[in-house]
């Protein structure tokens, strides 16, 4: 399961910025999910930390309550860094003793040269 990590543009209290730390992350390296019940903005927030213990953001508000409740109830889960994104990052989760795996890499999209002619719309 892939989950979005948001909040990359917010500052960390100490250490490198979240965007810098995301740039340092390597796909497949471990990440840590930490519920933050004392978070004044959202008591159901789940922070995401890199393998170096630097916060890279938070799980989205839609997913955090579900994942946070599983963590609090002792469900075994493992998380790895998947990829940077424009809004932050993706992490990959696995449950109950399974190991998360990166999804297959996509083939690069090949651009098509239409010689300036739009195949859908042509004024002639």
C-alpha atoms as a PDB file:
ATOM      1  CA  UNK A   1       0.000   0.000   0.000  1.00  0.00           C
ATOM      2  CA  UNK A   2       1.356   3.443  -0.955  1.00  0.00           C
ATOM      3  CA  UNK A   3       0.497   6.465   1.177  1.00  0.00           C
ATOM      4  CA  UNK A   4       1.065  10.163   0.548  1.00  0.00           C
ATOM      5  CA  UNK A   5       3.283  12.190   2.850  1.00  0.00           C
ATOM      6  CA  UNK A   6       2.316  15.874   2.961  1.00  0.00           C
ATOM      7  CA  UNK A   7       3.576  18.959   4.777  1.00  0.00           C
ATOM      8  CA  UNK A   8       7.029  18.947   3.205  1.00  0.00           C
ATOM      9  CA  UNK A   9       7.113  22.743   3.034  1.00  0.00           C
ATOM     10  CA  UNK A  10       6.754  23.203   6.803  1.00  0.00           C
ATOM     11  CA  UNK A  11       9.920  23.743   8.824  1.00  0.00           C
ATOM     12  CA  UNK A  12      11.351  21.170  11.226  1.00  0.00           C
ATOM     13  CA  UNK A  13      12.139  22.434  14.726  1.00  0.00           C
ATOM     14  CA  UNK A  14      15.766  21.355  14.269  1.00  0.00           C
ATOM     15  CA  UNK A  15      17.913  19.700  11.643  1.00  0.00           C
ATOM     16  CA  UNK A  16      17.559  19.886   7.875  1.00  0.00           C
ATOM     17  CA  UNK A  17      14.391  20.968   6.098  1.00  0.00           C
ATOM     18  CA  UNK A  18      11.844  18.340   5.167  1.00  0.00           C
ATOM     19  CA  UNK A  19      12.385  18.867   1.429  1.00  0.00           C
ATOM     20  CA  UNK A  20      16.152  18.449   1.874  1.00  0.00           C
ATOM     21  CA  UNK A  21      15.637  15.235   3.829  1.00  0.00           C
ATOM     22  CA  UNK A  22      13.212  13.909   1.201  1.00  0.00           C
ATOM     23  CA  UNK A  23      15.891  14.575  -1.423  1.00  0.00           C
ATOM     24  CA  UNK A  24      18.315  12.500   0.666  1.00  0.00           C
ATOM     25  CA  UNK A  25      15.944   9.528   0.937  1.00  0.00           C
ATOM     26  CA  UNK A  26      16.609   6.475  -1.215  1.00  0.00           C
ATOM     27  CA  UNK A  27      13.690   4.382  -2.470  1.00  0.00           C
ATOM     28  CA  UNK A  28      13.415   1.274  -0.327  1.00  0.00           C
ATOM     29  CA  UNK A  29      15.060   2.623   2.819  1.00  0.00           C
ATOM     30  CA  UNK A  30      13.072   2.323   6.065  1.00  0.00           C
ATOM     31  CA  UNK A  31      10.798   5.057   7.343  1.00  0.00           C
ATOM     32  CA  UNK A  32       9.078   5.368  10.691  1.00  0.00           C
ATOM     33  CA  UNK A  33       5.474   6.340  11.389  1.00  0.00           C
ATOM     34  CA  UNK A  34       4.857   8.079  14.735  1.00  0.00           C
ATOM     35  CA  UNK A  35       1.384   9.022  15.979  1.00  0.00           C
ATOM     36  CA  UNK A  36       1.238  12.497  17.550  1.00  0.00           C
ATOM     37  CA  UNK A  37      -1.735  12.517  19.946  1.00  0.00           C
ATOM     38  CA  UNK A  38      -0.454  15.794  21.434  1.00  0.00           C
ATOM     39  CA  UNK A  39      -0.455  17.602  18.080  1.00  0.00           C
ATOM     40  CA  UNK A  40      -2.576  20.758  18.642  1.00  0.00           C
ATOM     41  CA  UNK A  41      -3.566  20.984  14.963  1.00  0.00           C
ATOM     42  CA  UNK A  42      -4.675  17.332  14.682  1.00  0.00           C
ATOM     43  CA  UNK A  43      -4.531  14.852  17.576  1.00  0.00           C
ATOM     44  CA  UNK A  44      -4.829  11.995  15.034  1.00  0.00           C
ATOM     45  CA  UNK A  45      -1.745  13.138  13.080  1.00  0.00           C
ATOM     46  CA  UNK A  46       0.889  10.560  12.126  1.00  0.00           C
ATOM     47  CA  UNK A  47       4.356  11.978  11.456  1.00  0.00           C
ATOM     48  CA  UNK A  48       6.719  10.296   8.989  1.00  0.00           C
ATOM     49  CA  UNK A  49      10.465  10.114   9.701  1.00  0.00           C
ATOM     50  CA  UNK A  50      13.349   9.132   7.444  1.00  0.00           C
ATOM     51  CA  UNK A  51      15.871   6.390   8.193  1.00  0.00           C
ATOM     52  CA  UNK A  52      18.024   9.146   9.738  1.00  0.00           C
ATOM     53  CA  UNK A  53      15.274  10.159  12.184  1.00  0.00           C
ATOM     54  CA  UNK A  54      14.437  13.440  10.397  1.00  0.00           C
ATOM     55  CA  UNK A  55      10.774  14.289   9.896  1.00  0.00           C
ATOM     56  CA  UNK A  56       9.738  14.444   6.231  1.00  0.00           C
ATOM     57  CA  UNK A  57       6.045  15.242   6.790  1.00  0.00           C
ATOM     58  CA  UNK A  58       2.733  13.700   7.822  1.00  0.00           C
ATOM     59  CA  UNK A  59       0.331  11.127   6.477  1.00  0.00           C
ATOM     60  CA  UNK A  60      -2.737  12.799   4.965  1.00  0.00           C
ATOM     61  CA  UNK A  61      -5.625  13.663   7.292  1.00  0.00           C
ATOM     62  CA  UNK A  62      -7.743  11.062   5.488  1.00  0.00           C
ATOM     63  CA  UNK A  63      -5.349   8.159   6.201  1.00  0.00           C
ATOM     64  CA  UNK A  64      -3.804   9.193   9.535  1.00  0.00           C
ATOM     65  CA  UNK A  65      -6.729   8.125  11.801  1.00  0.00           C
ATOM     66  CA  UNK A  66      -6.846   4.643  10.265  1.00  0.00           C
ATOM     67  CA  UNK A  67      -3.059   4.072  10.309  1.00  0.00           C
ATOM     68  CA  UNK A  68      -2.709   5.693  13.750  1.00  0.00           C
ATOM     69  CA  UNK A  69      -5.353   3.407  15.244  1.00  0.00           C
ATOM     70  CA  UNK A  70      -3.564   0.346  13.860  1.00  0.00           C
ATOM     71  CA  UNK A  71      -0.277   1.535  15.397  1.00  0.00           C
ATOM     72  CA  UNK A  72      -1.928   2.218  18.761  1.00  0.00           C
ATOM     73  CA  UNK A  73      -3.582  -1.229  18.685  1.00  0.00           C
ATOM     74  CA  UNK A  74      -0.213  -2.915  18.134  1.00  0.00           C
ATOM     75  CA  UNK A  75      -0.698  -4.051  14.552  1.00  0.00           C
ATOM     76  CA  UNK A  76       2.647  -4.922  13.047  1.00  0.00           C
ATOM     77  CA  UNK A  77       3.590  -2.767  10.075  1.00  0.00           C
ATOM     78  CA  UNK A  78       6.703  -1.812   8.180  1.00  0.00           C
ATOM     79  CA  UNK A  79       7.224   1.271   6.021  1.00  0.00           C
ATOM     80  CA  UNK A  80       9.779   2.242   3.372  1.00  0.00           C
ATOM     81  CA  UNK A  81      10.407   5.395   1.367  1.00  0.00           C
ATOM     82  CA  UNK A  82       8.946   5.042  -2.119  1.00  0.00           C
ATOM     83  CA  UNK A  83       9.520   8.309  -3.999  1.00  0.00           C
ATOM     84  CA  UNK A  84       9.542  12.092  -3.780  1.00  0.00           C
ATOM     85  CA  UNK A  85       6.469  13.897  -5.142  1.00  0.00           C
ATOM     86  CA  UNK A  86       5.648  17.567  -5.817  1.00  0.00           C
ATOM     87  CA  UNK A  87       3.651  17.697  -2.546  1.00  0.00           C
ATOM     88  CA  UNK A  88       6.141  15.677  -0.456  1.00  0.00           C
ATOM     89  CA  UNK A  89       6.648  11.944  -0.817  1.00  0.00           C
ATOM     90  CA  UNK A  90       5.170   8.480  -0.985  1.00  0.00           C
ATOM     91  CA  UNK A  91       5.832   5.727   1.529  1.00  0.00           C
ATOM     92  CA  UNK A  92       5.023   2.064   1.050  1.00  0.00           C
ATOM     93  CA  UNK A  93       3.481  -0.002   3.875  1.00  0.00           C
ATOM     94  CA  UNK A  94       3.093  -3.704   4.582  1.00  0.00           C
ATOM     95  CA  UNK A  95       1.281  -5.361   7.476  1.00  0.00           C
ATOM     96  CA  UNK A  96       1.470  -8.416   9.731  1.00  0.00           C
ATOM     97  CA  UNK A  97       5.077  -9.437   9.116  1.00  0.00           C
ATOM     98  CA  UNK A  98       5.113  -8.769   5.381  1.00  0.00           C
ATOM     99  CA  UNK A  99       7.894  -6.583   4.018  1.00  0.00           C
ATOM    100  CA  UNK A 100       6.944  -3.598   1.886  1.00  0.00           C
ATOM    101  CA  UNK A 101       8.173  -3.742  -1.686  1.00  0.00           C
ATOM    102  CA  UNK A 102       8.599  -0.964  -4.177  1.00  0.00           C
ATOM    103  CA  UNK A 103       6.144  -1.105  -7.080  1.00  0.00           C
ATOM    104  CA  UNK A 104       7.602  -1.885 -10.507  1.00  0.00           C
ATOM    105  CA  UNK A 105       9.254   1.064 -12.213  1.00  0.00           C
ATOM    106  CA  UNK A 106       7.227   2.557 -15.035  1.00  0.00           C
ATOM    107  CA  UNK A 107       8.664   2.779 -18.497  1.00  0.00           C
ATOM    108  CA  UNK A 108       9.489   6.381 -19.413  1.00  0.00           C
ATOM    109  CA  UNK A 109       6.811   8.022 -21.527  1.00  0.00           C
ATOM    110  CA  UNK A 110       7.971   8.470 -25.076  1.00  0.00           C
ATOM    111  CA  UNK A 111       7.110  11.844 -26.586  1.00  0.00           C
ATOM    112  CA  UNK A 112       5.458  11.911 -29.990  1.00  0.00           C
ATOM    113  CA  UNK A 113       6.433  14.545 -32.541  1.00  0.00           C
ATOM    114  CA  UNK A 114       3.245  15.742 -34.237  1.00  0.00           C
ATOM    115  CA  UNK A 115       5.043  18.359 -36.374  1.00  0.00           C
ATOM    116  CA  UNK A 116       2.928  21.103 -34.818  1.00  0.00           C
ATOM    117  CA  UNK A 117      -0.361  19.539 -35.901  1.00  0.00           C
ATOM    118  CA  UNK A 118      -2.903  18.676 -33.234  1.00  0.00           C
ATOM    119  CA  UNK A 119      -4.342  15.289 -34.291  1.00  0.00           C
ATOM    120  CA  UNK A 120      -7.588  16.041 -32.432  1.00  0.00           C
ATOM    121  CA  UNK A 121      -8.171  19.601 -33.618  1.00  0.00           C
ATOM    122  CA  UNK A 122      -7.112  21.060 -36.950  1.00  0.00           C
ATOM    123  CA  UNK A 123      -8.548  24.333 -38.224  1.00  0.00           C
ATOM    124  CA  UNK A 124      -8.580  23.153 -41.876  1.00  0.00           C
END
